[in-house]
Amino acid sequence: FAPIMCFWFATLGVLGAVNIVQHPDV
């Protein structure tokens, strides 16, 4: 569970950051 969920949260953060860069005013 731990490696999968760590990868899951890392993926959540990376996907979010990539989109935030395009509209930082959010």
PDB file of all heavy atoms in Angstrom:
ATOM      1  N   PHE A   1       0.807  -1.219   0.000  1.00  0.00           N
ATOM      2  CA  PHE A   1       0.000   0.000   0.000  1.00  0.00           C
ATOM      3  C   PHE A   1       0.844   1.275   0.000  1.00  0.00           C
ATOM      4  O   PHE A   1       0.561   2.208  -0.746  1.00  0.00           O
ATOM      5  CB  PHE A   1      -0.940   0.018   1.217  1.00  0.00           C
ATOM      6  CG  PHE A   1      -2.091  -0.930   1.119  1.00  0.00           C
ATOM      7  CD1 PHE A   1      -2.260  -1.738  -0.002  1.00  0.00           C
ATOM      8  CD2 PHE A   1      -3.013  -1.036   2.151  1.00  0.00           C
ATOM      9  CE1 PHE A   1      -3.324  -2.624  -0.093  1.00  0.00           C
ATOM     10  CE2 PHE A   1      -4.082  -1.919   2.076  1.00  0.00           C
ATOM     11  CZ  PHE A   1      -4.235  -2.709   0.954  1.00  0.00           C
ATOM     12  N   ALA A   2       1.858   1.319   0.875  1.00  0.00           N
ATOM     13  CA  ALA A   2       2.622   2.563   1.048  1.00  0.00           C
ATOM     14  C   ALA A   2       3.267   3.040  -0.252  1.00  0.00           C
ATOM     15  O   ALA A   2       3.092   4.211  -0.631  1.00  0.00           O
ATOM     16  CB  ALA A   2       3.662   2.393   2.144  1.00  0.00           C
ATOM     17  N   PRO A   3       4.017   2.198  -0.995  1.00  0.00           N
ATOM     18  CA  PRO A   3       4.625   2.678  -2.249  1.00  0.00           C
ATOM     19  C   PRO A   3       3.588   3.157  -3.263  1.00  0.00           C
ATOM     20  O   PRO A   3       3.782   4.185  -3.915  1.00  0.00           O
ATOM     21  CB  PRO A   3       5.375   1.446  -2.776  1.00  0.00           C
ATOM     22  CG  PRO A   3       5.597   0.581  -1.592  1.00  0.00           C
ATOM     23  CD  PRO A   3       4.434   0.817  -0.690  1.00  0.00           C
ATOM     24  N   ILE A   4       2.455   2.408  -3.361  1.00  0.00           N
ATOM     25  CA  ILE A   4       1.417   2.803  -4.333  1.00  0.00           C
ATOM     26  C   ILE A   4       0.818   4.146  -3.958  1.00  0.00           C
ATOM     27  O   ILE A   4       0.650   5.030  -4.806  1.00  0.00           O
ATOM     28  CB  ILE A   4       0.313   1.716  -4.409  1.00  0.00           C
ATOM     29  CG1 ILE A   4       0.886   0.433  -5.008  1.00  0.00           C
ATOM     30  CG2 ILE A   4      -0.865   2.205  -5.247  1.00  0.00           C
ATOM     31  CD1 ILE A   4      -0.065  -0.762  -4.935  1.00  0.00           C
ATOM     32  N   MET A   5       0.479   4.324  -2.659  1.00  0.00           N
ATOM     33  CA  MET A   5      -0.139   5.583  -2.232  1.00  0.00           C
ATOM     34  C   MET A   5       0.835   6.741  -2.274  1.00  0.00           C
ATOM     35  O   MET A   5       0.437   7.885  -2.562  1.00  0.00           O
ATOM     36  CB  MET A   5      -0.735   5.426  -0.831  1.00  0.00           C
ATOM     37  CG  MET A   5      -1.966   4.520  -0.776  1.00  0.00           C
ATOM     38  SD  MET A   5      -3.274   4.943  -1.953  1.00  0.00           S
ATOM     39  CE  MET A   5      -3.879   6.490  -1.282  1.00  0.00           C
ATOM     40  N   CYS A   6       2.115   6.474  -1.998  1.00  0.00           N
ATOM     41  CA  CYS A   6       3.121   7.546  -2.136  1.00  0.00           C
ATOM     42  C   CYS A   6       3.188   8.006  -3.595  1.00  0.00           C
ATOM     43  O   CYS A   6       3.247   9.209  -3.883  1.00  0.00           O
ATOM     44  CB  CYS A   6       4.493   7.053  -1.677  1.00  0.00           C
ATOM     45  SG  CYS A   6       4.666   6.979   0.111  1.00  0.00           S
ATOM     46  N   PHE A   7       3.169   7.030  -4.511  1.00  0.00           N
ATOM     47  CA  PHE A   7       3.191   7.369  -5.938  1.00  0.00           C
ATOM     48  C   PHE A   7       1.913   8.108  -6.330  1.00  0.00           C
ATOM     49  O   PHE A   7       1.930   9.036  -7.136  1.00  0.00           O
ATOM     50  CB  PHE A   7       3.353   6.092  -6.770  1.00  0.00           C
ATOM     51  CG  PHE A   7       3.563   6.339  -8.229  1.00  0.00           C
ATOM     52  CD1 PHE A   7       4.684   7.010  -8.690  1.00  0.00           C
ATOM     53  CD2 PHE A   7       2.612   5.917  -9.162  1.00  0.00           C
ATOM     54  CE1 PHE A   7       4.874   7.249 -10.033  1.00  0.00           C
ATOM     55  CE2 PHE A   7       2.778   6.151 -10.506  1.00  0.00           C
ATOM     56  CZ  PHE A   7       3.920   6.822 -10.956  1.00  0.00           C
ATOM     57  N   TRP A   8       0.787   7.694  -5.725  1.00  0.00           N
ATOM     58  CA  TRP A   8      -0.503   8.343  -5.992  1.00  0.00           C
ATOM     59  C   TRP A   8      -0.468   9.815  -5.579  1.00  0.00           C
ATOM     60  O   TRP A   8      -0.822  10.693  -6.379  1.00  0.00           O
ATOM     61  CB  TRP A   8      -1.614   7.601  -5.245  1.00  0.00           C
ATOM     62  CG  TRP A   8      -2.941   8.319  -5.174  1.00  0.00           C
ATOM     63  CD1 TRP A   8      -3.469   8.953  -4.101  1.00  0.00           C
ATOM     64  CD2 TRP A   8      -3.895   8.457  -6.233  1.00  0.00           C
ATOM     65  NE1 TRP A   8      -4.701   9.484  -4.404  1.00  0.00           N
ATOM     66  CE2 TRP A   8      -4.978   9.195  -5.713  1.00  0.00           C
ATOM     67  CE3 TRP A   8      -3.926   8.045  -7.563  1.00  0.00           C
ATOM     68  CZ2 TRP A   8      -6.095   9.528  -6.481  1.00  0.00           C
ATOM     69  CZ3 TRP A   8      -5.051   8.371  -8.330  1.00  0.00           C
ATOM     70  CH2 TRP A   8      -6.111   9.104  -7.785  1.00  0.00           C
ATOM     71  N   PHE A   9      -0.028  10.081  -4.339  1.00  0.00           N
ATOM     72  CA  PHE A   9       0.003  11.470  -3.872  1.00  0.00           C
ATOM     73  C   PHE A   9       1.028  12.302  -4.647  1.00  0.00           C
ATOM     74  O   PHE A   9       0.797  13.484  -4.917  1.00  0.00           O
ATOM     75  CB  PHE A   9       0.276  11.519  -2.369  1.00  0.00           C
ATOM     76  CG  PHE A   9      -0.918  11.173  -1.529  1.00  0.00           C
ATOM     77  CD1 PHE A   9      -0.945  10.012  -0.761  1.00  0.00           C
ATOM     78  CD2 PHE A   9      -2.034  11.990  -1.513  1.00  0.00           C
ATOM     79  CE1 PHE A   9      -2.052   9.681   0.001  1.00  0.00           C
ATOM     80  CE2 PHE A   9      -3.152  11.676  -0.748  1.00  0.00           C
ATOM     81  CZ  PHE A   9      -3.160  10.508   0.005  1.00  0.00           C
ATOM     82  N   ALA A  10       2.159  11.686  -5.000  1.00  0.00           N
ATOM     83  CA  ALA A  10       3.149  12.390  -5.815  1.00  0.00           C
ATOM     84  C   ALA A  10       2.550  12.763  -7.173  1.00  0.00           C
ATOM     85  O   ALA A  10       2.747  13.883  -7.675  1.00  0.00           O
ATOM     86  CB  ALA A  10       4.392  11.524  -5.999  1.00  0.00           C
ATOM     87  N   THR A  11       1.791  11.817  -7.748  1.00  0.00           N
ATOM     88  CA  THR A  11       1.135  12.077  -9.043  1.00  0.00           C
ATOM     89  C   THR A  11       0.105  13.193  -8.907  1.00  0.00           C
ATOM     90  O   THR A  11       0.009  14.072  -9.777  1.00  0.00           O
ATOM     91  CB  THR A  11       0.454  10.790  -9.555  1.00  0.00           C
ATOM     92  OG1 THR A  11       1.429   9.749  -9.643  1.00  0.00           O
ATOM     93  CG2 THR A  11      -0.172  11.014 -10.927  1.00  0.00           C
ATOM     94  N   LEU A  12      -0.680  13.171  -7.817  1.00  0.00           N
ATOM     95  CA  LEU A  12      -1.649  14.248  -7.570  1.00  0.00           C
ATOM     96  C   LEU A  12      -0.947  15.605  -7.558  1.00  0.00           C
ATOM     97  O   LEU A  12      -1.413  16.568  -8.187  1.00  0.00           O
ATOM     98  CB  LEU A  12      -2.359  14.042  -6.222  1.00  0.00           C
ATOM     99  CG  LEU A  12      -3.335  12.873  -6.052  1.00  0.00           C
ATOM    100  CD1 LEU A  12      -4.001  12.948  -4.681  1.00  0.00           C
ATOM    101  CD2 LEU A  12      -4.388  12.872  -7.142  1.00  0.00           C
ATOM    102  N   GLY A  13       0.168  15.669  -6.811  1.00  0.00           N
ATOM    103  CA  GLY A  13       0.895  16.927  -6.689  1.00  0.00           C
ATOM    104  C   GLY A  13       1.477  17.397  -8.010  1.00  0.00           C
ATOM    105  O   GLY A  13       1.367  18.583  -8.370  1.00  0.00           O
ATOM    106  N   VAL A  14       2.090  16.482  -8.773  1.00  0.00           N
ATOM    107  CA  VAL A  14       2.724  16.843 -10.054  1.00  0.00           C
ATOM    108  C   VAL A  14       1.681  17.314 -11.059  1.00  0.00           C
ATOM    109  O   VAL A  14       1.853  18.357 -11.715  1.00  0.00           O
ATOM    110  CB  VAL A  14       3.522  15.642 -10.616  1.00  0.00           C
ATOM    111  CG1 VAL A  14       3.957  15.918 -12.059  1.00  0.00           C
ATOM    112  CG2 VAL A  14       4.730  15.360  -9.746  1.00  0.00           C
ATOM    113  N   LEU A  15       0.569  16.567 -11.200  1.00  0.00           N
ATOM    114  CA  LEU A  15      -0.491  16.973 -12.127  1.00  0.00           C
ATOM    115  C   LEU A  15      -1.046  18.345 -11.763  1.00  0.00           C
ATOM    116  O   LEU A  15      -1.295  19.185 -12.639  1.00  0.00           O
ATOM    117  CB  LEU A  15      -1.628  15.947 -12.109  1.00  0.00           C
ATOM    118  CG  LEU A  15      -1.382  14.599 -12.800  1.00  0.00           C
ATOM    119  CD1 LEU A  15      -2.577  13.679 -12.603  1.00  0.00           C
ATOM    120  CD2 LEU A  15      -1.118  14.802 -14.290  1.00  0.00           C
ATOM    121  N   GLY A  16      -1.229  18.566 -10.451  1.00  0.00           N
ATOM    122  CA  GLY A  16      -1.731  19.852 -10.008  1.00  0.00           C
ATOM    123  C   GLY A  16      -0.762  20.983 -10.310  1.00  0.00           C
ATOM    124  O   GLY A  16      -1.157  22.036 -10.834  1.00  0.00           O
ATOM    125  N   ALA A  17       0.515  20.749  -9.998  1.00  0.00           N
ATOM    126  CA  ALA A  17       1.528  21.795 -10.203  1.00  0.00           C
ATOM    127  C   ALA A  17       1.654  22.173 -11.677  1.00  0.00           C
ATOM    128  O   ALA A  17       1.772  23.363 -12.021  1.00  0.00           O
ATOM    129  CB  ALA A  17       2.876  21.309  -9.676  1.00  0.00           C
ATOM    130  N   VAL A  18       1.612  21.174 -12.576  1.00  0.00           N
ATOM    131  CA  VAL A  18       1.732  21.437 -14.022  1.00  0.00           C
ATOM    132  C   VAL A  18       0.605  22.356 -14.490  1.00  0.00           C
ATOM    133  O   VAL A  18       0.819  23.279 -15.289  1.00  0.00           O
ATOM    134  CB  VAL A  18       1.708  20.103 -14.813  1.00  0.00           C
ATOM    135  CG1 VAL A  18       1.513  20.356 -16.298  1.00  0.00           C
ATOM    136  CG2 VAL A  18       2.991  19.321 -14.566  1.00  0.00           C
ATOM    137  N   ASN A  19      -0.600  22.125 -13.987  1.00  0.00           N
ATOM    138  CA  ASN A  19      -1.738  22.956 -14.389  1.00  0.00           C
ATOM    139  C   ASN A  19      -1.723  24.325 -13.712  1.00  0.00           C
ATOM    140  O   ASN A  19      -2.160  25.317 -14.311  1.00  0.00           O
ATOM    141  CB  ASN A  19      -3.053  22.231 -14.089  1.00  0.00           C
ATOM    142  CG  ASN A  19      -3.360  21.130 -15.081  1.00  0.00           C
ATOM    143  OD1 ASN A  19      -3.999  21.361 -16.100  1.00  0.00           O
ATOM    144  ND2 ASN A  19      -2.874  19.927 -14.817  1.00  0.00           N
ATOM    145  N   ILE A  20      -1.218  24.376 -12.465  1.00  0.00           N
ATOM    146  CA  ILE A  20      -1.147  25.662 -11.758  1.00  0.00           C
ATOM    147  C   ILE A  20      -0.188  26.613 -12.470  1.00  0.00           C
ATOM    148  O   ILE A  20      -0.444  27.829 -12.559  1.00  0.00           O
ATOM    149  CB  ILE A  20      -0.713  25.447 -10.286  1.00  0.00           C
ATOM    150  CG1 ILE A  20      -1.840  24.769  -9.495  1.00  0.00           C
ATOM    151  CG2 ILE A  20      -0.339  26.768  -9.620  1.00  0.00           C
ATOM    152  CD1 ILE A  20      -1.438  24.287  -8.109  1.00  0.00           C
ATOM    153  N   VAL A  21       0.902  26.079 -13.005  1.00  0.00           N
ATOM    154  CA  VAL A  21       1.888  26.909 -13.720  1.00  0.00           C
ATOM    155  C   VAL A  21       1.233  27.668 -14.873  1.00  0.00           C
ATOM    156  O   VAL A  21       1.594  28.811 -15.176  1.00  0.00           O
ATOM    157  CB  VAL A  21       3.055  26.019 -14.234  1.00  0.00           C
ATOM    158  CG1 VAL A  21       3.925  26.779 -15.215  1.00  0.00           C
ATOM    159  CG2 VAL A  21       3.885  25.528 -13.069  1.00  0.00           C
ATOM    160  N   GLN A  22       0.235  27.046 -15.494  1.00  0.00           N
ATOM    161  CA  GLN A  22      -0.428  27.681 -16.636  1.00  0.00           C
ATOM    162  C   GLN A  22      -1.392  28.787 -16.204  1.00  0.00           C
ATOM    163  O   GLN A  22      -1.658  29.717 -16.956  1.00  0.00           O
ATOM    164  CB  GLN A  22      -1.181  26.623 -17.448  1.00  0.00           C
ATOM    165  CG  GLN A  22      -0.248  25.571 -18.056  1.00  0.00           C
ATOM    166  CD  GLN A  22      -1.013  24.433 -18.710  1.00  0.00           C
ATOM    167  OE1 GLN A  22      -2.149  24.593 -19.125  1.00  0.00           O
ATOM    168  NE2 GLN A  22      -0.377  23.268 -18.786  1.00  0.00           N
ATOM    169  N   HIS A  23      -1.908  28.693 -14.980  1.00  0.00           N
ATOM    170  CA  HIS A  23      -2.815  29.716 -14.443  1.00  0.00           C
ATOM    171  C   HIS A  23      -2.488  29.953 -12.970  1.00  0.00           C
ATOM    172  O   HIS A  23      -3.268  29.594 -12.080  1.00  0.00           O
ATOM    173  CB  HIS A  23      -4.272  29.278 -14.593  1.00  0.00           C
ATOM    174  CG  HIS A  23      -4.753  29.241 -16.000  1.00  0.00           C
ATOM    175  ND1 HIS A  23      -5.185  30.365 -16.690  1.00  0.00           N
ATOM    176  CD2 HIS A  23      -4.839  28.215 -16.878  1.00  0.00           C
ATOM    177  CE1 HIS A  23      -5.532  30.023 -17.910  1.00  0.00           C
ATOM    178  NE2 HIS A  23      -5.328  28.719 -18.059  1.00  0.00           N
ATOM    179  N   PRO A  24      -1.338  30.574 -12.673  1.00  0.00           N
ATOM    180  CA  PRO A  24      -0.918  30.746 -11.266  1.00  0.00           C
ATOM    181  C   PRO A  24      -1.863  31.619 -10.443  1.00  0.00           C
ATOM    182  O   PRO A  24      -1.843  31.569  -9.209  1.00  0.00           O
ATOM    183  CB  PRO A  24       0.466  31.379 -11.384  1.00  0.00           C
ATOM    184  CG  PRO A  24       0.521  31.962 -12.749  1.00  0.00           C
ATOM    185  CD  PRO A  24      -0.355  31.122 -13.609  1.00  0.00           C
ATOM    186  N   ASP A  25      -2.714  32.400 -11.112  1.00  0.00           N
ATOM    187  CA  ASP A  25      -3.645  33.266 -10.387  1.00  0.00           C
ATOM    188  C   ASP A  25      -4.652  32.454  -9.567  1.00  0.00           C
ATOM    189  O   ASP A  25      -5.322  32.989  -8.678  1.00  0.00           O
ATOM    190  CB  ASP A  25      -4.390  34.190 -11.352  1.00  0.00           C
ATOM    191  CG  ASP A  25      -5.020  33.430 -12.516  1.00  0.00           C
ATOM    192  OD1 ASP A  25      -4.369  32.498 -13.031  1.00  0.00           O
ATOM    193  OD2 ASP A  25      -6.159  33.784 -12.910  1.00  0.00           O
ATOM    194  N   VAL A  26      -4.732  31.121  -9.827  1.00  0.00           N
ATOM    195  CA  VAL A  26      -5.651  30.276  -9.078  1.00  0.00           C
ATOM    196  C   VAL A  26      -5.268  30.204  -7.601  1.00  0.00           C
ATOM    197  O   VAL A  26      -6.105  29.934  -6.728  1.00  0.00           O
ATOM    198  CB  VAL A  26      -5.693  28.855  -9.713  1.00  0.00           C
ATOM    199  CG1 VAL A  26      -4.460  28.042  -9.311  1.00  0.00           C
ATOM    200  CG2 VAL A  26      -6.957  28.105  -9.314  1.00  0.00           C
TER     201      VAL A  26
END
